[in-house]
């Protein structure tokens, strides 16, 4: 049984998805639709950068979504069996909904551009921070954060021994020190423009809610796994509610992958720039067959690898 998963912010790379767009008409159409929905300039930023511009949250999110769906459109007709589930890390959940047929591509591009802008605006520059805690389990990280007097909490449960925390700069620094005291092997400050997936994002969630309500969500057949609940869903109403909650809730990626395995998934195919989710899957469940498609050169080998494991 196959799950197709999509990456989140931070995976961006200049040129992502464009080699498939040059070879596949369906992928090329994705860039055309996204370019119009964005209002022009998206493809140029993906193609030429510069990297600093592509890394702007309101640019990064629609860019990664567009590249990932372009790759999906090239992969989809070549799959021996369709995926049983879709999932995505943070931003990637929007991509998963587009792939599942629960959200039109143009609406998704507009939504994630506004989502990125709202997130950027929610916390003044230099007042928020994120850090990755390495070598400590998620429960221990959560306990360390709970002891801090200030807004800080786990934001991404990425692997059994890697959890990102987010909050005010001072609280994150204090929590990082507490995690070191609890046995963390390493603390890595993340180069992000805002403290995502924590209570400081509430202004962004409130601004996003009417945008979610007006977007053209529809019920869909292939379930998407929620970052918030780790459970599958197939309804437009659930998508709107869960994407609203996702803004301030931690991404429970470890549990998402574990839930997919519980549901019978034996192979994970990652589509989009980078292969972060493939690396995390190896740490979460080594029994999963893992493959990723980032460029045209990856396509044949990835499909061959999952052909047996995803049956």
C-alpha atoms as a PDB file:
ATOM      1  CA  UNK A   1       0.000   0.000   0.000  1.00  0.00           C
ATOM      2  CA  UNK A   2       1.398   3.382  -1.040  1.00  0.00           C
ATOM      3  CA  UNK A   3       1.341   6.817   0.609  1.00  0.00           C
ATOM      4  CA  UNK A   4       2.438   9.908  -1.316  1.00  0.00           C
ATOM      5  CA  UNK A   5       3.863  12.675   0.857  1.00  0.00           C
ATOM      6  CA  UNK A   6       4.856  16.288   0.202  1.00  0.00           C
ATOM      7  CA  UNK A   7       7.498  18.489   1.874  1.00  0.00           C
ATOM      8  CA  UNK A   8       7.077  21.748   3.735  1.00  0.00           C
ATOM      9  CA  UNK A   9       8.860  25.060   3.926  1.00  0.00           C
ATOM     10  CA  UNK A  10      12.649  24.887   3.945  1.00  0.00           C
ATOM     11  CA  UNK A  11      12.880  22.371   1.093  1.00  0.00           C
ATOM     12  CA  UNK A  12      12.892  25.047  -1.633  1.00  0.00           C
ATOM     13  CA  UNK A  13      15.574  25.060  -4.326  1.00  0.00           C
ATOM     14  CA  UNK A  14      16.086  27.224  -7.394  1.00  0.00           C
ATOM     15  CA  UNK A  15      14.814  25.400 -10.479  1.00  0.00           C
ATOM     16  CA  UNK A  16      12.611  22.949  -8.576  1.00  0.00           C
ATOM     17  CA  UNK A  17      10.110  21.119 -10.762  1.00  0.00           C
ATOM     18  CA  UNK A  18      11.079  22.881 -13.961  1.00  0.00           C
ATOM     19  CA  UNK A  19      12.837  19.946 -15.644  1.00  0.00           C
ATOM     20  CA  UNK A  20       9.642  17.914 -15.388  1.00  0.00           C
ATOM     21  CA  UNK A  21       7.620  20.854 -16.698  1.00  0.00           C
ATOM     22  CA  UNK A  22       9.833  20.963 -19.787  1.00  0.00           C
ATOM     23  CA  UNK A  23       9.147  17.272 -20.470  1.00  0.00           C
ATOM     24  CA  UNK A  24       5.532  16.805 -19.342  1.00  0.00           C
ATOM     25  CA  UNK A  25       2.580  18.859 -20.548  1.00  0.00           C
ATOM     26  CA  UNK A  26       0.606  18.214 -17.339  1.00  0.00           C
ATOM     27  CA  UNK A  27       3.479  19.553 -15.228  1.00  0.00           C
ATOM     28  CA  UNK A  28       3.868  22.552 -17.509  1.00  0.00           C
ATOM     29  CA  UNK A  29       0.160  23.332 -17.072  1.00  0.00           C
ATOM     30  CA  UNK A  30       0.649  23.366 -13.286  1.00  0.00           C
ATOM     31  CA  UNK A  31       3.191  26.172 -13.592  1.00  0.00           C
ATOM     32  CA  UNK A  32       0.875  28.084 -15.930  1.00  0.00           C
ATOM     33  CA  UNK A  33      -2.102  27.855 -13.553  1.00  0.00           C
ATOM     34  CA  UNK A  34       0.038  28.763 -10.557  1.00  0.00           C
ATOM     35  CA  UNK A  35       1.623  31.702 -12.345  1.00  0.00           C
ATOM     36  CA  UNK A  36      -1.788  33.203 -13.100  1.00  0.00           C
ATOM     37  CA  UNK A  37      -3.101  32.565  -9.574  1.00  0.00           C
ATOM     38  CA  UNK A  38       0.008  34.130  -8.061  1.00  0.00           C
ATOM     39  CA  UNK A  39      -0.341  37.209 -10.239  1.00  0.00           C
ATOM     40  CA  UNK A  40       2.898  36.790 -12.195  1.00  0.00           C
ATOM     41  CA  UNK A  41       6.517  36.403 -11.191  1.00  0.00           C
ATOM     42  CA  UNK A  42       6.334  33.017  -9.459  1.00  0.00           C
ATOM     43  CA  UNK A  43       8.019  30.981 -12.189  1.00  0.00           C
ATOM     44  CA  UNK A  44      10.777  33.547 -12.595  1.00  0.00           C
ATOM     45  CA  UNK A  45      11.549  33.394  -8.867  1.00  0.00           C
ATOM     46  CA  UNK A  46      11.645  29.588  -9.002  1.00  0.00           C
ATOM     47  CA  UNK A  47      13.843  29.612 -12.098  1.00  0.00           C
ATOM     48  CA  UNK A  48      16.245  32.425 -11.239  1.00  0.00           C
ATOM     49  CA  UNK A  49      15.925  33.160  -7.539  1.00  0.00           C
ATOM     50  CA  UNK A  50      17.805  34.725  -5.930  1.00  0.00           C
ATOM     51  CA  UNK A  51      17.725  32.251  -3.037  1.00  0.00           C
ATOM     52  CA  UNK A  52      16.942  35.025  -0.535  1.00  0.00           C
ATOM     53  CA  UNK A  53      13.831  36.001  -2.491  1.00  0.00           C
ATOM     54  CA  UNK A  54      12.705  32.397  -2.900  1.00  0.00           C
ATOM     55  CA  UNK A  55      13.127  31.912   0.866  1.00  0.00           C
ATOM     56  CA  UNK A  56      10.587  34.662   1.691  1.00  0.00           C
ATOM     57  CA  UNK A  57       7.717  32.824   3.384  1.00  0.00           C
ATOM     58  CA  UNK A  58       5.004  34.243   1.118  1.00  0.00           C
ATOM     59  CA  UNK A  59       7.042  33.192  -1.947  1.00  0.00           C
ATOM     60  CA  UNK A  60       8.377  29.907  -0.610  1.00  0.00           C
ATOM     61  CA  UNK A  61       5.002  28.400   0.191  1.00  0.00           C
ATOM     62  CA  UNK A  62       3.322  28.783  -3.239  1.00  0.00           C
ATOM     63  CA  UNK A  63       6.621  27.928  -4.955  1.00  0.00           C
ATOM     64  CA  UNK A  64       7.098  24.603  -3.157  1.00  0.00           C
ATOM     65  CA  UNK A  65       3.423  23.715  -3.602  1.00  0.00           C
ATOM     66  CA  UNK A  66       3.638  24.441  -7.343  1.00  0.00           C
ATOM     67  CA  UNK A  67       6.822  22.432  -7.871  1.00  0.00           C
ATOM     68  CA  UNK A  68       5.489  19.507  -5.845  1.00  0.00           C
ATOM     69  CA  UNK A  69       2.218  19.323  -7.765  1.00  0.00           C
ATOM     70  CA  UNK A  70       4.122  19.601 -11.064  1.00  0.00           C
ATOM     71  CA  UNK A  71       6.111  16.534 -10.009  1.00  0.00           C
ATOM     72  CA  UNK A  72       2.912  14.746  -8.920  1.00  0.00           C
ATOM     73  CA  UNK A  73       1.302  15.338 -12.318  1.00  0.00           C
ATOM     74  CA  UNK A  74       4.284  13.647 -14.005  1.00  0.00           C
ATOM     75  CA  UNK A  75       4.291  10.736 -11.563  1.00  0.00           C
ATOM     76  CA  UNK A  76       0.557  10.057 -11.258  1.00  0.00           C
ATOM     77  CA  UNK A  77      -0.061   8.436 -14.675  1.00  0.00           C
ATOM     78  CA  UNK A  78       2.937   6.137 -14.220  1.00  0.00           C
ATOM     79  CA  UNK A  79       1.924   4.636 -10.876  1.00  0.00           C
ATOM     80  CA  UNK A  80       0.969   0.966 -11.076  1.00  0.00           C
ATOM     81  CA  UNK A  81      -1.576   1.472  -8.287  1.00  0.00           C
ATOM     82  CA  UNK A  82      -2.922   4.793  -6.998  1.00  0.00           C
ATOM     83  CA  UNK A  83      -1.891   5.948  -3.526  1.00  0.00           C
ATOM     84  CA  UNK A  84      -4.060   4.846  -0.629  1.00  0.00           C
ATOM     85  CA  UNK A  85      -3.241   8.006   1.334  1.00  0.00           C
ATOM     86  CA  UNK A  86      -1.722  11.451   0.923  1.00  0.00           C
ATOM     87  CA  UNK A  87       0.101  13.447   3.594  1.00  0.00           C
ATOM     88  CA  UNK A  88       2.278  16.531   3.826  1.00  0.00           C
ATOM     89  CA  UNK A  89       4.453  18.282   6.364  1.00  0.00           C
ATOM     90  CA  UNK A  90       2.837  21.623   7.322  1.00  0.00           C
ATOM     91  CA  UNK A  91       2.582  23.460   3.973  1.00  0.00           C
ATOM     92  CA  UNK A  92       2.703  19.999   2.384  1.00  0.00           C
ATOM     93  CA  UNK A  93      -0.783  19.229   3.701  1.00  0.00           C
ATOM     94  CA  UNK A  94      -2.134  21.829   1.265  1.00  0.00           C
ATOM     95  CA  UNK A  95      -0.210  20.111  -1.536  1.00  0.00           C
ATOM     96  CA  UNK A  96      -1.676  16.778  -0.430  1.00  0.00           C
ATOM     97  CA  UNK A  97      -5.187  18.222  -0.647  1.00  0.00           C
ATOM     98  CA  UNK A  98      -4.557  19.449  -4.209  1.00  0.00           C
ATOM     99  CA  UNK A  99      -3.243  16.012  -5.218  1.00  0.00           C
ATOM    100  CA  UNK A 100      -6.256  14.335  -3.590  1.00  0.00           C
ATOM    101  CA  UNK A 101      -8.706  16.585  -5.444  1.00  0.00           C
ATOM    102  CA  UNK A 102      -9.885  18.385  -2.328  1.00  0.00           C
ATOM    103  CA  UNK A 103      -8.596  21.851  -3.269  1.00  0.00           C
ATOM    104  CA  UNK A 104      -8.173  23.494  -6.706  1.00  0.00           C
ATOM    105  CA  UNK A 105      -4.555  24.344  -7.527  1.00  0.00           C
ATOM    106  CA  UNK A 106      -5.249  28.042  -8.130  1.00  0.00           C
ATOM    107  CA  UNK A 107      -7.054  28.380  -4.794  1.00  0.00           C
ATOM    108  CA  UNK A 108      -4.197  26.582  -3.040  1.00  0.00           C
ATOM    109  CA  UNK A 109      -1.575  28.917  -4.516  1.00  0.00           C
ATOM    110  CA  UNK A 110      -3.515  31.974  -3.387  1.00  0.00           C
ATOM    111  CA  UNK A 111      -4.191  30.475   0.039  1.00  0.00           C
ATOM    112  CA  UNK A 112      -0.607  29.540   0.878  1.00  0.00           C
ATOM    113  CA  UNK A 113       0.695  32.879  -0.360  1.00  0.00           C
ATOM    114  CA  UNK A 114      -1.618  34.612   2.093  1.00  0.00           C
ATOM    115  CA  UNK A 115      -0.827  32.038   4.776  1.00  0.00           C
ATOM    116  CA  UNK A 116       2.862  32.820   4.372  1.00  0.00           C
ATOM    117  CA  UNK A 117       2.264  36.563   4.550  1.00  0.00           C
ATOM    118  CA  UNK A 118       0.038  36.238   7.622  1.00  0.00           C
ATOM    119  CA  UNK A 119       2.640  34.080   9.381  1.00  0.00           C
ATOM    120  CA  UNK A 120       5.355  36.586   8.571  1.00  0.00           C
ATOM    121  CA  UNK A 121       3.262  39.452   9.941  1.00  0.00           C
ATOM    122  CA  UNK A 122       2.187  37.680  13.142  1.00  0.00           C
ATOM    123  CA  UNK A 123       5.415  38.219  15.095  1.00  0.00           C
ATOM    124  CA  UNK A 124       7.744  41.230  14.695  1.00  0.00           C
ATOM    125  CA  UNK A 125      11.177  40.433  13.309  1.00  0.00           C
ATOM    126  CA  UNK A 126      13.692  39.145  15.868  1.00  0.00           C
ATOM    127  CA  UNK A 127      11.028  38.591  18.527  1.00  0.00           C
ATOM    128  CA  UNK A 128      10.387  34.952  17.651  1.00  0.00           C
ATOM    129  CA  UNK A 129      12.662  31.978  17.099  1.00  0.00           C
ATOM    130  CA  UNK A 130      12.747  28.258  16.314  1.00  0.00           C
ATOM    131  CA  UNK A 131      15.359  25.663  17.251  1.00  0.00           C
ATOM    132  CA  UNK A 132      15.804  21.960  16.537  1.00  0.00           C
ATOM    133  CA  UNK A 133      16.471  19.771  19.572  1.00  0.00           C
ATOM    134  CA  UNK A 134      18.481  16.694  18.589  1.00  0.00           C
ATOM    135  CA  UNK A 135      19.002  13.562  20.668  1.00  0.00           C
ATOM    136  CA  UNK A 136      16.016  13.953  23.002  1.00  0.00           C
ATOM    137  CA  UNK A 137      12.578  12.408  22.588  1.00  0.00           C
ATOM    138  CA  UNK A 138       9.552  14.589  21.934  1.00  0.00           C
ATOM    139  CA  UNK A 139       7.955  14.033  25.339  1.00  0.00           C
ATOM    140  CA  UNK A 140      11.106  15.202  27.108  1.00  0.00           C
ATOM    141  CA  UNK A 141      11.264  18.276  24.875  1.00  0.00           C
ATOM    142  CA  UNK A 142       7.620  19.066  25.673  1.00  0.00           C
ATOM    143  CA  UNK A 143       8.325  18.756  29.412  1.00  0.00           C
ATOM    144  CA  UNK A 144      11.297  21.112  29.141  1.00  0.00           C
ATOM    145  CA  UNK A 145       9.199  23.690  27.291  1.00  0.00           C
ATOM    146  CA  UNK A 146       6.411  23.445  29.867  1.00  0.00           C
ATOM    147  CA  UNK A 147       8.832  24.497  32.611  1.00  0.00           C
ATOM    148  CA  UNK A 148       9.675  27.789  30.886  1.00  0.00           C
ATOM    149  CA  UNK A 149       7.981  31.036  31.874  1.00  0.00           C
ATOM    150  CA  UNK A 150       7.141  32.318  28.394  1.00  0.00           C
ATOM    151  CA  UNK A 151       5.594  31.209  25.106  1.00  0.00           C
ATOM    152  CA  UNK A 152       7.516  28.175  23.806  1.00  0.00           C
ATOM    153  CA  UNK A 153       6.354  24.715  22.738  1.00  0.00           C
ATOM    154  CA  UNK A 154       7.175  21.852  20.385  1.00  0.00           C
ATOM    155  CA  UNK A 155       6.341  22.921  16.822  1.00  0.00           C
ATOM    156  CA  UNK A 156       7.448  19.923  14.730  1.00  0.00           C
ATOM    157  CA  UNK A 157       7.779  16.375  16.021  1.00  0.00           C
ATOM    158  CA  UNK A 158       9.977  15.345  13.103  1.00  0.00           C
ATOM    159  CA  UNK A 159      11.601  12.115  14.279  1.00  0.00           C
ATOM    160  CA  UNK A 160      11.859  10.172  17.543  1.00  0.00           C
ATOM    161  CA  UNK A 161      15.040  12.104  18.366  1.00  0.00           C
ATOM    162  CA  UNK A 162      14.478  15.450  16.627  1.00  0.00           C
ATOM    163  CA  UNK A 163      11.869  18.006  17.638  1.00  0.00           C
ATOM    164  CA  UNK A 164      11.688  21.661  16.619  1.00  0.00           C
ATOM    165  CA  UNK A 165      10.512  24.183  19.204  1.00  0.00           C
ATOM    166  CA  UNK A 166       9.048  27.643  18.580  1.00  0.00           C
ATOM    167  CA  UNK A 167       8.102  30.707  20.569  1.00  0.00           C
ATOM    168  CA  UNK A 168       9.476  34.016  21.758  1.00  0.00           C
ATOM    169  CA  UNK A 169      13.234  34.371  21.325  1.00  0.00           C
ATOM    170  CA  UNK A 170      13.921  34.472  25.053  1.00  0.00           C
ATOM    171  CA  UNK A 171      11.664  31.504  25.826  1.00  0.00           C
ATOM    172  CA  UNK A 172      13.184  29.394  23.053  1.00  0.00           C
ATOM    173  CA  UNK A 173      16.673  30.136  24.354  1.00  0.00           C
ATOM    174  CA  UNK A 174      15.618  29.130  27.861  1.00  0.00           C
ATOM    175  CA  UNK A 175      13.895  25.957  26.647  1.00  0.00           C
ATOM    176  CA  UNK A 176      16.944  25.035  24.567  1.00  0.00           C
ATOM    177  CA  UNK A 177      19.114  25.318  27.675  1.00  0.00           C
ATOM    178  CA  UNK A 178      16.647  23.166  29.613  1.00  0.00           C
ATOM    179  CA  UNK A 179      16.760  20.547  26.849  1.00  0.00           C
ATOM    180  CA  UNK A 180      20.561  20.506  27.019  1.00  0.00           C
ATOM    181  CA  UNK A 181      20.250  19.909  30.732  1.00  0.00           C
ATOM    182  CA  UNK A 182      17.832  17.053  30.061  1.00  0.00           C
ATOM    183  CA  UNK A 183      20.342  15.321  27.792  1.00  0.00           C
ATOM    184  CA  UNK A 184      19.896  16.785  24.304  1.00  0.00           C
ATOM    185  CA  UNK A 185      22.957  16.100  22.162  1.00  0.00           C
ATOM    186  CA  UNK A 186      22.620  19.222  20.059  1.00  0.00           C
ATOM    187  CA  UNK A 187      20.532  22.382  19.643  1.00  0.00           C
ATOM    188  CA  UNK A 188      20.399  23.988  16.201  1.00  0.00           C
ATOM    189  CA  UNK A 189      18.844  27.422  15.777  1.00  0.00           C
ATOM    190  CA  UNK A 190      16.722  27.376  12.609  1.00  0.00           C
ATOM    191  CA  UNK A 191      16.946  30.053   9.949  1.00  0.00           C
ATOM    192  CA  UNK A 192      13.254  30.842   9.691  1.00  0.00           C
ATOM    193  CA  UNK A 193      11.393  34.109   9.379  1.00  0.00           C
ATOM    194  CA  UNK A 194       8.840  33.421  12.133  1.00  0.00           C
ATOM    195  CA  UNK A 195       8.102  30.982  14.991  1.00  0.00           C
ATOM    196  CA  UNK A 196       5.725  28.646  13.170  1.00  0.00           C
ATOM    197  CA  UNK A 197       3.185  26.255  14.720  1.00  0.00           C
ATOM    198  CA  UNK A 198       2.943  27.827  18.152  1.00  0.00           C
ATOM    199  CA  UNK A 199       0.539  30.114  20.024  1.00  0.00           C
ATOM    200  CA  UNK A 200       2.237  33.244  18.655  1.00  0.00           C
ATOM    201  CA  UNK A 201       0.736  32.361  15.258  1.00  0.00           C
ATOM    202  CA  UNK A 202      -2.845  32.980  16.462  1.00  0.00           C
ATOM    203  CA  UNK A 203      -3.115  36.317  14.588  1.00  0.00           C
ATOM    204  CA  UNK A 204      -2.147  34.469  11.390  1.00  0.00           C
ATOM    205  CA  UNK A 205      -4.738  31.769  12.050  1.00  0.00           C
ATOM    206  CA  UNK A 206      -7.451  34.370  12.600  1.00  0.00           C
ATOM    207  CA  UNK A 207      -6.608  36.133   9.320  1.00  0.00           C
ATOM    208  CA  UNK A 208      -6.471  32.836   7.447  1.00  0.00           C
ATOM    209  CA  UNK A 209      -9.856  31.566   8.627  1.00  0.00           C
ATOM    210  CA  UNK A 210     -12.025  33.658   6.232  1.00  0.00           C
ATOM    211  CA  UNK A 211      -9.651  32.792   3.380  1.00  0.00           C
ATOM    212  CA  UNK A 212     -10.173  29.096   4.128  1.00  0.00           C
ATOM    213  CA  UNK A 213     -13.930  29.581   4.270  1.00  0.00           C
ATOM    214  CA  UNK A 214     -14.056  31.212   0.835  1.00  0.00           C
ATOM    215  CA  UNK A 215     -11.691  28.764  -0.918  1.00  0.00           C
ATOM    216  CA  UNK A 216     -13.162  26.093  -3.165  1.00  0.00           C
ATOM    217  CA  UNK A 217     -12.637  23.003  -1.011  1.00  0.00           C
ATOM    218  CA  UNK A 218     -14.526  19.848  -2.011  1.00  0.00           C
ATOM    219  CA  UNK A 219     -14.973  16.385  -0.539  1.00  0.00           C
ATOM    220  CA  UNK A 220     -12.465  13.890  -1.936  1.00  0.00           C
ATOM    221  CA  UNK A 221     -11.964  10.122  -2.115  1.00  0.00           C
ATOM    222  CA  UNK A 222      -8.334   9.401  -1.187  1.00  0.00           C
ATOM    223  CA  UNK A 223      -7.782  10.327   2.469  1.00  0.00           C
ATOM    224  CA  UNK A 224      -5.272  12.944   3.632  1.00  0.00           C
ATOM    225  CA  UNK A 225      -3.567  12.511   7.012  1.00  0.00           C
ATOM    226  CA  UNK A 226      -3.972  15.535   9.298  1.00  0.00           C
ATOM    227  CA  UNK A 227      -0.884  17.133  10.869  1.00  0.00           C
ATOM    228  CA  UNK A 228      -3.099  18.071  13.837  1.00  0.00           C
ATOM    229  CA  UNK A 229      -4.917  14.811  14.628  1.00  0.00           C
ATOM    230  CA  UNK A 230      -2.756  12.295  12.666  1.00  0.00           C
ATOM    231  CA  UNK A 231      -6.026  10.791  11.410  1.00  0.00           C
ATOM    232  CA  UNK A 232      -7.262  10.516   7.803  1.00  0.00           C
ATOM    233  CA  UNK A 233     -10.007  12.823   6.542  1.00  0.00           C
ATOM    234  CA  UNK A 234     -11.910  13.254   3.269  1.00  0.00           C
ATOM    235  CA  UNK A 235     -14.294  16.180   3.707  1.00  0.00           C
ATOM    236  CA  UNK A 236     -14.116  19.845   2.780  1.00  0.00           C
ATOM    237  CA  UNK A 237     -15.377  20.858   6.224  1.00  0.00           C
ATOM    238  CA  UNK A 238     -12.630  18.865   7.930  1.00  0.00           C
ATOM    239  CA  UNK A 239      -9.994  20.388   5.634  1.00  0.00           C
ATOM    240  CA  UNK A 240     -11.022  23.940   6.503  1.00  0.00           C
ATOM    241  CA  UNK A 241     -11.134  23.234  10.235  1.00  0.00           C
ATOM    242  CA  UNK A 242      -7.874  21.293  10.387  1.00  0.00           C
ATOM    243  CA  UNK A 243      -5.899  23.773   8.284  1.00  0.00           C
ATOM    244  CA  UNK A 244      -7.060  26.552  10.588  1.00  0.00           C
ATOM    245  CA  UNK A 245      -5.978  24.556  13.656  1.00  0.00           C
ATOM    246  CA  UNK A 246      -2.708  23.585  11.979  1.00  0.00           C
ATOM    247  CA  UNK A 247      -1.384  27.172  12.077  1.00  0.00           C
ATOM    248  CA  UNK A 248      -0.902  27.118  15.864  1.00  0.00           C
ATOM    249  CA  UNK A 249      -0.665  23.354  16.437  1.00  0.00           C
ATOM    250  CA  UNK A 250       2.498  21.250  16.292  1.00  0.00           C
ATOM    251  CA  UNK A 251       3.145  19.112  13.227  1.00  0.00           C
ATOM    252  CA  UNK A 252       2.936  15.578  14.640  1.00  0.00           C
ATOM    253  CA  UNK A 253       4.936  14.029  11.800  1.00  0.00           C
ATOM    254  CA  UNK A 254       6.247  11.031  13.757  1.00  0.00           C
ATOM    255  CA  UNK A 255       2.691  10.008  14.588  1.00  0.00           C
ATOM    256  CA  UNK A 256       1.512  10.732  11.033  1.00  0.00           C
ATOM    257  CA  UNK A 257       4.016   8.237   9.626  1.00  0.00           C
ATOM    258  CA  UNK A 258       3.259   5.714  12.370  1.00  0.00           C
ATOM    259  CA  UNK A 259      -0.465   6.059  11.633  1.00  0.00           C
ATOM    260  CA  UNK A 260       0.130   5.406   7.932  1.00  0.00           C
ATOM    261  CA  UNK A 261       1.957   2.197   8.830  1.00  0.00           C
ATOM    262  CA  UNK A 262      -0.885   1.185  11.173  1.00  0.00           C
ATOM    263  CA  UNK A 263      -3.303   1.728   8.269  1.00  0.00           C
ATOM    264  CA  UNK A 264      -1.327  -0.708   6.128  1.00  0.00           C
ATOM    265  CA  UNK A 265       1.059   1.562   4.212  1.00  0.00           C
ATOM    266  CA  UNK A 266       4.245  -0.255   3.184  1.00  0.00           C
ATOM    267  CA  UNK A 267       5.824   2.348   0.854  1.00  0.00           C
ATOM    268  CA  UNK A 268       6.256   6.128   1.018  1.00  0.00           C
ATOM    269  CA  UNK A 269       6.874   8.194  -2.103  1.00  0.00           C
ATOM    270  CA  UNK A 270       8.055  11.753  -1.422  1.00  0.00           C
ATOM    271  CA  UNK A 271       7.370  14.250  -4.217  1.00  0.00           C
ATOM    272  CA  UNK A 272       8.915  17.711  -4.198  1.00  0.00           C
ATOM    273  CA  UNK A 273      12.221  19.447  -3.591  1.00  0.00           C
ATOM    274  CA  UNK A 274      14.649  17.663  -1.280  1.00  0.00           C
ATOM    275  CA  UNK A 275      14.265  14.339   0.495  1.00  0.00           C
ATOM    276  CA  UNK A 276      13.809  15.386   4.110  1.00  0.00           C
ATOM    277  CA  UNK A 277      10.673  13.281   4.606  1.00  0.00           C
ATOM    278  CA  UNK A 278      12.405  10.188   3.248  1.00  0.00           C
ATOM    279  CA  UNK A 279      15.176  10.694   5.776  1.00  0.00           C
ATOM    280  CA  UNK A 280      12.690  11.157   8.613  1.00  0.00           C
ATOM    281  CA  UNK A 281      10.767   8.025   7.590  1.00  0.00           C
ATOM    282  CA  UNK A 282      13.974   6.001   7.909  1.00  0.00           C
ATOM    283  CA  UNK A 283      14.220   7.139  11.541  1.00  0.00           C
ATOM    284  CA  UNK A 284      10.524   6.564  12.295  1.00  0.00           C
ATOM    285  CA  UNK A 285       9.976   3.135  10.696  1.00  0.00           C
ATOM    286  CA  UNK A 286      12.830   1.381   8.933  1.00  0.00           C
ATOM    287  CA  UNK A 287      10.411  -1.144   7.445  1.00  0.00           C
ATOM    288  CA  UNK A 288       8.911   1.446   5.098  1.00  0.00           C
ATOM    289  CA  UNK A 289      10.062   1.301   1.493  1.00  0.00           C
ATOM    290  CA  UNK A 290      11.125   4.881   0.736  1.00  0.00           C
ATOM    291  CA  UNK A 291      11.681   6.763  -2.511  1.00  0.00           C
ATOM    292  CA  UNK A 292      11.598  10.378  -3.624  1.00  0.00           C
ATOM    293  CA  UNK A 293      11.222  12.276  -6.887  1.00  0.00           C
ATOM    294  CA  UNK A 294      12.811  15.700  -6.991  1.00  0.00           C
ATOM    295  CA  UNK A 295      13.977  15.808 -10.619  1.00  0.00           C
ATOM    296  CA  UNK A 296      13.276  14.039 -13.886  1.00  0.00           C
ATOM    297  CA  UNK A 297      16.364  11.874 -13.314  1.00  0.00           C
ATOM    298  CA  UNK A 298      14.792  10.420 -10.129  1.00  0.00           C
ATOM    299  CA  UNK A 299      11.576   9.251 -11.768  1.00  0.00           C
ATOM    300  CA  UNK A 300      12.344   5.784 -13.147  1.00  0.00           C
ATOM    301  CA  UNK A 301      14.358   4.574 -10.161  1.00  0.00           C
ATOM    302  CA  UNK A 302      11.768   5.814  -7.649  1.00  0.00           C
ATOM    303  CA  UNK A 303       8.881   4.137  -9.457  1.00  0.00           C
ATOM    304  CA  UNK A 304      10.817   0.892  -9.695  1.00  0.00           C
ATOM    305  CA  UNK A 305      11.675   0.998  -5.998  1.00  0.00           C
ATOM    306  CA  UNK A 306       8.106   1.450  -4.804  1.00  0.00           C
ATOM    307  CA  UNK A 307       6.556  -0.931  -7.325  1.00  0.00           C
ATOM    308  CA  UNK A 308       6.974  -3.905  -5.015  1.00  0.00           C
ATOM    309  CA  UNK A 309       6.701  -2.151  -1.668  1.00  0.00           C
ATOM    310  CA  UNK A 310       3.573  -0.218  -2.577  1.00  0.00           C
ATOM    311  CA  UNK A 311       1.656  -3.159  -4.007  1.00  0.00           C
END
